[in-house]
Amino acid sequence: MTATRQPGPTTRTVSQVATPPGARALSTLPRIDYEDAFAVDTDTQRTPEEWVRLVLQGAPPRVRRRLWLGWTALGLKLGPPWSSKRVLGWNVRHSDEEFVLLAADSWLGFRGQLLFRSDPRGLLFATFVQHTNPAARALWAAITPRHVHVVRSLLTHGALSQAASTA
């Protein structure tokens, strides 16, 4: 992770970073057409499972509802959001002490994966997308700026929430 830690117990830095090769290797997609990664620099260690639940399920109800609506508008085939084997409908493809990988396919022609990986300085979050047709590629290109904004906002809210819970 390349985020810079600032002194102070309440500092929370969310930085967009280059996707580390080791993180990319954790994706199970046969091909990655889009990727991004964010580093969350914190002074509190959490497991990847705690992070994924804090960031996605710990978001305010209005935000969770908007996420669900946005994802279903993108054609994501989500399961019941209350299932213990899912996180807001995303299938938990892998979960251990090192990382959590969520996965969902879309009716519109892409496959997505969300990676939450622990790091000594906090969290690495990465998005991986495979396009299966030109329309999916065009759709993803159109929503990428919004996606990046939403991810940064979710991670910032999650980092601030974890700081408040440990204060």
C-alpha atoms as a PDB file:
ATOM      1  CA  MET A   1       0.000   0.000   0.000  1.00  0.00           C
ATOM      2  CA  THR A   2       1.291   3.435  -0.786  1.00  0.00           C
ATOM      3  CA  ALA A   3      -0.898   5.619   1.414  1.00  0.00           C
ATOM      4  CA  THR A   4       1.015   7.967   3.673  1.00  0.00           C
ATOM      5  CA  ARG A   5       0.272   7.788   7.383  1.00  0.00           C
ATOM      6  CA  GLN A   6      -0.136  11.120   9.138  1.00  0.00           C
ATOM      7  CA  PRO A   7       0.491  11.316  12.880  1.00  0.00           C
ATOM      8  CA  GLY A   8      -2.462  11.260  15.197  1.00  0.00           C
ATOM      9  CA  PRO A   9      -4.961   8.662  16.394  1.00  0.00           C
ATOM     10  CA  THR A  10      -7.876   9.963  14.317  1.00  0.00           C
ATOM     11  CA  THR A  11      -6.105  10.214  10.943  1.00  0.00           C
ATOM     12  CA  ARG A  12      -7.833   8.220   8.231  1.00  0.00           C
ATOM     13  CA  THR A  13      -6.380   8.370   4.739  1.00  0.00           C
ATOM     14  CA  VAL A  14      -8.141   6.852   1.729  1.00  0.00           C
ATOM     15  CA  SER A  15      -5.924   6.909  -1.348  1.00  0.00           C
ATOM     16  CA  GLN A  16      -6.388   5.499  -4.813  1.00  0.00           C
ATOM     17  CA  VAL A  17      -3.301   3.388  -5.515  1.00  0.00           C
ATOM     18  CA  ALA A  18      -1.930   1.138  -8.239  1.00  0.00           C
ATOM     19  CA  THR A  19      -3.287  -2.369  -7.855  1.00  0.00           C
ATOM     20  CA  PRO A  20      -0.551  -4.503  -6.299  1.00  0.00           C
ATOM     21  CA  PRO A  21       0.261  -7.585  -8.427  1.00  0.00           C
ATOM     22  CA  GLY A  22      -0.386  -9.828  -5.424  1.00  0.00           C
ATOM     23  CA  ALA A  23      -3.902  -8.425  -5.074  1.00  0.00           C
ATOM     24  CA  ARG A  24      -4.622  -8.876  -8.774  1.00  0.00           C
ATOM     25  CA  ALA A  25      -3.552 -12.518  -8.486  1.00  0.00           C
ATOM     26  CA  LEU A  26      -6.328 -13.126  -5.897  1.00  0.00           C
ATOM     27  CA  SER A  27      -9.062 -12.476  -8.467  1.00  0.00           C
ATOM     28  CA  THR A  28     -10.592 -15.589  -9.999  1.00  0.00           C
ATOM     29  CA  LEU A  29     -11.682 -13.799 -13.185  1.00  0.00           C
ATOM     30  CA  PRO A  30     -10.139 -15.334 -16.318  1.00  0.00           C
ATOM     31  CA  ARG A  31      -9.452 -11.816 -17.633  1.00  0.00           C
ATOM     32  CA  ILE A  32      -9.487  -8.407 -15.934  1.00  0.00           C
ATOM     33  CA  ASP A  33     -10.592  -5.544 -18.175  1.00  0.00           C
ATOM     34  CA  TYR A  34     -10.905  -2.929 -15.430  1.00  0.00           C
ATOM     35  CA  GLU A  35      -9.298  -2.648 -12.023  1.00  0.00           C
ATOM     36  CA  ASP A  36      -8.859  -0.056  -9.345  1.00  0.00           C
ATOM     37  CA  ALA A  37      -7.499  -0.151  -5.828  1.00  0.00           C
ATOM     38  CA  PHE A  38      -7.723   1.982  -2.712  1.00  0.00           C
ATOM     39  CA  ALA A  39      -5.624   1.951   0.431  1.00  0.00           C
ATOM     40  CA  VAL A  40      -7.208   2.820   3.766  1.00  0.00           C
ATOM     41  CA  ASP A  41      -4.541   3.863   6.240  1.00  0.00           C
ATOM     42  CA  THR A  42      -5.681   3.365   9.837  1.00  0.00           C
ATOM     43  CA  ASP A  43      -4.180   2.692  13.226  1.00  0.00           C
ATOM     44  CA  THR A  44      -6.592  -0.153  14.038  1.00  0.00           C
ATOM     45  CA  GLN A  45      -6.292  -3.670  12.663  1.00  0.00           C
ATOM     46  CA  ARG A  46      -9.426  -5.467  11.517  1.00  0.00           C
ATOM     47  CA  THR A  47      -9.871  -8.753   9.736  1.00  0.00           C
ATOM     48  CA  PRO A  48     -10.941  -8.550   6.093  1.00  0.00           C
ATOM     49  CA  GLU A  49     -14.350  -9.930   7.116  1.00  0.00           C
ATOM     50  CA  GLU A  50     -14.746  -7.134   9.687  1.00  0.00           C
ATOM     51  CA  TRP A  51     -13.751  -4.551   7.069  1.00  0.00           C
ATOM     52  CA  VAL A  52     -16.158  -5.803   4.409  1.00  0.00           C
ATOM     53  CA  ARG A  53     -19.028  -5.842   6.878  1.00  0.00           C
ATOM     54  CA  LEU A  54     -18.103  -2.412   8.251  1.00  0.00           C
ATOM     55  CA  VAL A  55     -17.752  -0.775   4.835  1.00  0.00           C
ATOM     56  CA  LEU A  56     -20.754  -2.316   3.065  1.00  0.00           C
ATOM     57  CA  GLN A  57     -23.180  -3.513   5.726  1.00  0.00           C
ATOM     58  CA  GLY A  58     -22.182  -0.735   8.127  1.00  0.00           C
ATOM     59  CA  ALA A  59     -23.109   1.979   5.642  1.00  0.00           C
ATOM     60  CA  PRO A  60     -26.207   3.987   6.553  1.00  0.00           C
ATOM     61  CA  PRO A  61     -29.492   2.334   5.458  1.00  0.00           C
ATOM     62  CA  ARG A  62     -30.085   4.960   2.765  1.00  0.00           C
ATOM     63  CA  VAL A  63     -26.631   4.296   1.297  1.00  0.00           C
ATOM     64  CA  ARG A  64     -27.119   0.505   1.395  1.00  0.00           C
ATOM     65  CA  ARG A  65     -30.451   0.909  -0.405  1.00  0.00           C
ATOM     66  CA  ARG A  66     -28.826   3.094  -3.090  1.00  0.00           C
ATOM     67  CA  LEU A  67     -25.990   0.594  -3.522  1.00  0.00           C
ATOM     68  CA  TRP A  68     -28.480  -2.256  -3.948  1.00  0.00           C
ATOM     69  CA  LEU A  69     -30.524  -0.261  -6.465  1.00  0.00           C
ATOM     70  CA  GLY A  70     -27.414   0.749  -8.412  1.00  0.00           C
ATOM     71  CA  TRP A  71     -26.074  -2.787  -8.503  1.00  0.00           C
ATOM     72  CA  THR A  72     -29.391  -4.243  -9.647  1.00  0.00           C
ATOM     73  CA  ALA A  73     -29.671  -1.497 -12.303  1.00  0.00           C
ATOM     74  CA  LEU A  74     -26.319  -2.778 -13.575  1.00  0.00           C
ATOM     75  CA  GLY A  75     -27.888  -6.221 -13.824  1.00  0.00           C
ATOM     76  CA  LEU A  76     -25.908  -7.792 -11.001  1.00  0.00           C
ATOM     77  CA  LYS A  77     -27.314 -11.163  -9.997  1.00  0.00           C
ATOM     78  CA  LEU A  78     -27.377 -10.643  -6.239  1.00  0.00           C
ATOM     79  CA  GLY A  79     -28.656 -13.030  -3.625  1.00  0.00           C
ATOM     80  CA  PRO A  80     -30.552 -12.194  -0.439  1.00  0.00           C
ATOM     81  CA  PRO A  81     -28.699  -9.371   1.321  1.00  0.00           C
ATOM     82  CA  TRP A  82     -29.446 -10.888   4.741  1.00  0.00           C
ATOM     83  CA  SER A  83     -27.764 -14.231   3.954  1.00  0.00           C
ATOM     84  CA  SER A  84     -24.712 -15.007   6.103  1.00  0.00           C
ATOM     85  CA  LYS A  85     -22.986 -16.354   2.961  1.00  0.00           C
ATOM     86  CA  ARG A  86     -23.351 -13.001   1.225  1.00  0.00           C
ATOM     87  CA  VAL A  87     -22.542  -9.367   1.824  1.00  0.00           C
ATOM     88  CA  LEU A  88     -25.346  -7.072   0.632  1.00  0.00           C
ATOM     89  CA  GLY A  89     -26.203  -9.762  -1.902  1.00  0.00           C
ATOM     90  CA  TRP A  90     -22.648 -10.318  -3.195  1.00  0.00           C
ATOM     91  CA  ASN A  91     -21.477 -13.943  -3.075  1.00  0.00           C
ATOM     92  CA  VAL A  92     -18.550 -14.519  -0.706  1.00  0.00           C
ATOM     93  CA  ARG A  93     -16.194 -16.366  -3.051  1.00  0.00           C
ATOM     94  CA  HIS A  94     -13.357 -16.569  -0.501  1.00  0.00           C
ATOM     95  CA  SER A  95     -12.870 -15.511   3.117  1.00  0.00           C
ATOM     96  CA  ASP A  96      -9.933 -16.034   5.450  1.00  0.00           C
ATOM     97  CA  GLU A  97      -7.649 -14.007   7.713  1.00  0.00           C
ATOM     98  CA  GLU A  98      -5.813 -12.532   4.712  1.00  0.00           C
ATOM     99  CA  PHE A  99      -8.591 -11.476   2.326  1.00  0.00           C
ATOM    100  CA  VAL A 100     -12.254 -11.582   1.362  1.00  0.00           C
ATOM    101  CA  LEU A 101     -13.310 -11.829  -2.287  1.00  0.00           C
ATOM    102  CA  LEU A 102     -16.902 -10.982  -3.218  1.00  0.00           C
ATOM    103  CA  ALA A 103     -18.280 -11.847  -6.662  1.00  0.00           C
ATOM    104  CA  ALA A 104     -21.327 -11.069  -8.790  1.00  0.00           C
ATOM    105  CA  ASP A 105     -22.127 -11.539 -12.465  1.00  0.00           C
ATOM    106  CA  SER A 106     -24.342  -9.195 -14.455  1.00  0.00           C
ATOM    107  CA  TRP A 107     -27.141  -9.950 -16.880  1.00  0.00           C
ATOM    108  CA  LEU A 108     -25.743  -7.062 -18.948  1.00  0.00           C
ATOM    109  CA  GLY A 109     -22.418  -8.695 -19.740  1.00  0.00           C
ATOM    110  CA  PHE A 110     -19.817  -8.208 -17.075  1.00  0.00           C
ATOM    111  CA  ARG A 111     -18.476  -9.969 -14.027  1.00  0.00           C
ATOM    112  CA  GLY A 112     -17.335  -8.123 -10.942  1.00  0.00           C
ATOM    113  CA  GLN A 113     -15.219  -8.929  -7.921  1.00  0.00           C
ATOM    114  CA  LEU A 114     -14.504  -6.880  -4.808  1.00  0.00           C
ATOM    115  CA  LEU A 115     -11.359  -7.646  -2.818  1.00  0.00           C
ATOM    116  CA  PHE A 116     -10.824  -6.635   0.815  1.00  0.00           C
ATOM    117  CA  ARG A 117      -7.282  -7.467   1.972  1.00  0.00           C
ATOM    118  CA  SER A 118      -5.712  -6.706   5.339  1.00  0.00           C
ATOM    119  CA  ASP A 119      -2.454  -4.841   5.407  1.00  0.00           C
ATOM    120  CA  PRO A 120      -0.235  -3.853   8.354  1.00  0.00           C
ATOM    121  CA  ARG A 121      -1.329  -0.237   7.765  1.00  0.00           C
ATOM    122  CA  GLY A 122      -5.026  -0.929   7.263  1.00  0.00           C
ATOM    123  CA  LEU A 123      -6.982  -2.163   4.274  1.00  0.00           C
ATOM    124  CA  LEU A 124      -6.583  -2.632   0.539  1.00  0.00           C
ATOM    125  CA  PHE A 125      -9.831  -2.575  -1.421  1.00  0.00           C
ATOM    126  CA  ALA A 126      -9.802  -3.489  -5.123  1.00  0.00           C
ATOM    127  CA  THR A 127     -12.451  -3.794  -7.806  1.00  0.00           C
ATOM    128  CA  PHE A 128     -11.985  -6.165 -10.742  1.00  0.00           C
ATOM    129  CA  VAL A 129     -14.315  -6.247 -13.747  1.00  0.00           C
ATOM    130  CA  GLN A 130     -14.413  -8.497 -16.786  1.00  0.00           C
ATOM    131  CA  HIS A 131     -16.443  -7.317 -19.786  1.00  0.00           C
ATOM    132  CA  THR A 132     -18.092 -10.030 -21.839  1.00  0.00           C
ATOM    133  CA  ASN A 133     -19.394  -7.809 -24.644  1.00  0.00           C
ATOM    134  CA  PRO A 134     -18.864  -4.317 -26.129  1.00  0.00           C
ATOM    135  CA  ALA A 135     -22.034  -2.935 -24.510  1.00  0.00           C
ATOM    136  CA  ALA A 136     -20.762  -3.910 -21.053  1.00  0.00           C
ATOM    137  CA  ARG A 137     -17.443  -2.211 -21.807  1.00  0.00           C
ATOM    138  CA  ALA A 138     -19.234   1.005 -22.834  1.00  0.00           C
ATOM    139  CA  LEU A 139     -21.538   0.893 -19.795  1.00  0.00           C
ATOM    140  CA  TRP A 140     -18.654   0.395 -17.377  1.00  0.00           C
ATOM    141  CA  ALA A 141     -16.680   3.223 -19.001  1.00  0.00           C
ATOM    142  CA  ALA A 142     -19.671   5.536 -18.487  1.00  0.00           C
ATOM    143  CA  ILE A 143     -20.090   4.697 -14.796  1.00  0.00           C
ATOM    144  CA  THR A 144     -16.416   4.488 -13.792  1.00  0.00           C
ATOM    145  CA  PRO A 145     -16.207   8.059 -12.384  1.00  0.00           C
ATOM    146  CA  ARG A 146     -19.307   7.446 -10.230  1.00  0.00           C
ATOM    147  CA  HIS A 147     -17.949   4.062  -9.118  1.00  0.00           C
ATOM    148  CA  VAL A 148     -14.652   5.637  -7.969  1.00  0.00           C
ATOM    149  CA  HIS A 149     -16.527   8.389  -6.093  1.00  0.00           C
ATOM    150  CA  VAL A 150     -18.822   5.878  -4.335  1.00  0.00           C
ATOM    151  CA  VAL A 151     -15.929   3.586  -3.366  1.00  0.00           C
ATOM    152  CA  ARG A 152     -13.915   6.475  -1.910  1.00  0.00           C
ATOM    153  CA  SER A 153     -16.974   7.653   0.029  1.00  0.00           C
ATOM    154  CA  LEU A 154     -17.758   4.162   1.399  1.00  0.00           C
ATOM    155  CA  LEU A 155     -14.174   3.578   2.486  1.00  0.00           C
ATOM    156  CA  THR A 156     -13.934   7.001   4.126  1.00  0.00           C
ATOM    157  CA  HIS A 157     -17.193   6.412   6.004  1.00  0.00           C
ATOM    158  CA  GLY A 158     -16.022   2.936   7.066  1.00  0.00           C
ATOM    159  CA  ALA A 159     -12.648   4.239   8.277  1.00  0.00           C
ATOM    160  CA  LEU A 160     -14.297   7.044  10.233  1.00  0.00           C
ATOM    161  CA  SER A 161     -16.824   4.598  11.716  1.00  0.00           C
ATOM    162  CA  GLN A 162     -14.077   2.253  12.865  1.00  0.00           C
ATOM    163  CA  ALA A 163     -12.209   5.221  14.391  1.00  0.00           C
ATOM    164  CA  ALA A 164     -15.340   6.264  16.288  1.00  0.00           C
ATOM    165  CA  SER A 165     -15.880   2.717  17.556  1.00  0.00           C
ATOM    166  CA  THR A 166     -12.332   2.522  18.925  1.00  0.00           C
ATOM    167  CA  ALA A 167     -12.238   6.018  20.428  1.00  0.00           C
END
